[in-house]
Amino acid sequence: MKRIYLGEFEQIVLLAVWRLGDDGYGVRIRQEIESRTGRPVTIGAVYATLERLAQKGCVRPVMGEPTATRGGRAKRYYTITRAGAAALEDTRRQLARMWKGLRREPL
């Protein structure tokens, strides 16, 4: 399998998608990131990252049903793929190896 490299924000977005399960759409993903990290995030950054993750095969977009509250428009939901979960785990292992043996106190 081809190795997938993830940037920091890609990891955060992918973890939010995984956490949200069936409720992973743009606004909810943004809220999840902001509530867990305390970091302000623009919706544009979330959607751009979701598009990159879809191109890498890490998430799969699925259109929901149209709703009257959205003027008949459907939400696009995102689910993590096996490749996405594997990429997160690979990234976690790489970072753990980099941290191993480092002094914890400031230089």
Protein backbone atom coordinates (compact mmCIF):
# COMPACT_ATOMS: atom_id res chain seq x y z
CA MET A 1 0.00 0.00 0.00
CA LYS A 2 1.20 3.51 -0.82
CA ARG A 3 2.22 5.55 2.23
CA ILE A 4 0.05 8.59 2.91
CA TYR A 5 1.69 11.56 4.59
CA LEU A 6 -0.47 13.84 6.72
CA GLY A 7 0.17 17.41 7.78
CA GLU A 8 -0.78 18.64 11.25
CA PHE A 9 -4.11 20.18 10.25
CA GLU A 10 -4.96 17.16 8.08
CA GLN A 11 -4.47 14.97 11.16
CA ILE A 12 -6.73 17.21 13.24
CA VAL A 13 -9.48 17.25 10.61
CA LEU A 14 -9.24 13.51 10.09
CA LEU A 15 -9.46 12.86 13.83
CA ALA A 16 -12.54 15.10 14.02
CA VAL A 17 -14.17 13.18 11.15
CA TRP A 18 -13.42 9.89 12.92
CA ARG A 19 -14.81 11.16 16.25
CA LEU A 20 -18.03 12.47 14.69
CA GLY A 21 -18.86 9.23 12.89
CA ASP A 22 -22.13 9.66 10.98
CA ASP A 23 -22.39 13.35 11.95
CA GLY A 24 -19.20 14.47 10.15
CA TYR A 25 -20.15 17.43 7.98
CA GLY A 26 -18.25 20.70 7.55
CA VAL A 27 -19.77 22.85 10.31
CA ARG A 28 -19.75 20.02 12.87
CA ILE A 29 -16.14 19.16 11.98
CA ARG A 30 -15.17 22.81 12.52
CA GLN A 31 -17.00 22.90 15.88
CA GLU A 32 -15.34 19.67 17.00
CA ILE A 33 -11.88 21.02 16.19
CA GLU A 34 -12.48 24.35 17.90
CA SER A 35 -13.96 22.77 21.04
CA ARG A 36 -11.18 20.20 21.42
CA THR A 37 -8.18 22.34 20.45
CA GLY A 38 -9.30 25.84 21.45
CA ARG A 39 -7.99 26.89 18.07
CA PRO A 40 -10.11 29.12 15.80
CA VAL A 41 -10.67 27.50 12.39
CA THR A 42 -12.25 28.89 9.25
CA ILE A 43 -14.82 26.79 7.44
CA GLY A 44 -12.86 27.34 4.22
CA ALA A 45 -9.77 25.72 5.75
CA VAL A 46 -11.87 22.74 6.84
CA TYR A 47 -13.37 22.23 3.36
CA ALA A 48 -10.03 22.67 1.59
CA THR A 49 -8.48 20.07 3.90
CA LEU A 50 -11.41 17.68 3.45
CA GLU A 51 -10.92 17.94 -0.32
CA ARG A 52 -7.20 17.12 0.03
CA LEU A 53 -8.01 14.20 2.32
CA ALA A 54 -10.58 12.90 -0.18
CA GLN A 55 -7.97 13.10 -2.97
CA LYS A 56 -5.56 11.13 -0.77
CA GLY A 57 -8.25 8.50 -0.14
CA CYS A 58 -8.47 9.24 3.60
CA VAL A 59 -12.12 10.33 3.68
CA ARG A 60 -15.14 9.53 1.60
CA PRO A 61 -17.77 12.23 0.97
CA VAL A 62 -21.40 11.12 0.99
CA MET A 63 -24.38 13.33 0.18
CA GLY A 64 -27.17 13.32 2.75
CA GLU A 65 -30.84 13.79 2.01
CA PRO A 66 -32.09 17.26 1.02
CA THR A 67 -33.84 19.06 3.87
CA ALA A 68 -36.39 21.87 3.94
CA THR A 69 -34.36 23.74 6.58
CA ARG A 70 -31.52 24.00 4.06
CA GLY A 71 -33.75 25.16 1.22
CA GLY A 72 -33.86 21.68 -0.31
CA ARG A 73 -30.08 21.31 -0.33
CA ALA A 74 -28.30 18.24 1.02
CA LYS A 75 -25.36 18.18 3.44
CA ARG A 76 -22.13 16.52 2.41
CA TYR A 77 -20.99 14.12 5.13
CA TYR A 78 -17.48 12.70 5.42
CA THR A 79 -16.41 9.34 6.75
CA ILE A 80 -12.91 8.11 7.44
CA THR A 81 -11.63 5.30 5.24
CA ARG A 82 -9.39 2.40 6.22
CA ALA A 83 -6.55 4.18 4.44
CA GLY A 84 -7.24 7.30 6.50
CA ALA A 85 -7.21 5.38 9.78
CA ALA A 86 -3.98 3.64 8.74
CA ALA A 87 -2.38 6.97 7.80
CA LEU A 88 -3.27 8.41 11.22
CA GLU A 89 -1.81 5.40 13.00
CA ASP A 90 1.34 5.55 10.87
CA THR A 91 1.74 9.25 11.66
CA ARG A 92 1.22 8.59 15.39
CA ARG A 93 3.96 5.94 15.35
CA GLN A 94 6.36 8.23 13.47
CA LEU A 95 5.82 11.05 15.95
CA ALA A 96 6.25 8.69 18.92
CA ARG A 97 9.61 7.55 17.51
CA MET A 98 10.69 11.18 17.06
CA TRP A 99 9.70 12.07 20.65
CA LYS A 100 11.33 8.98 22.18
CA GLY A 101 14.39 9.88 24.22
CA LEU A 102 13.97 13.66 24.03
CA ARG A 103 14.43 15.70 27.17
CA ARG A 104 11.16 17.14 28.38
CA GLU A 105 12.55 20.27 30.03
CA PRO A 106 13.21 23.46 28.01
CA LEU A 107 16.66 23.88 26.52
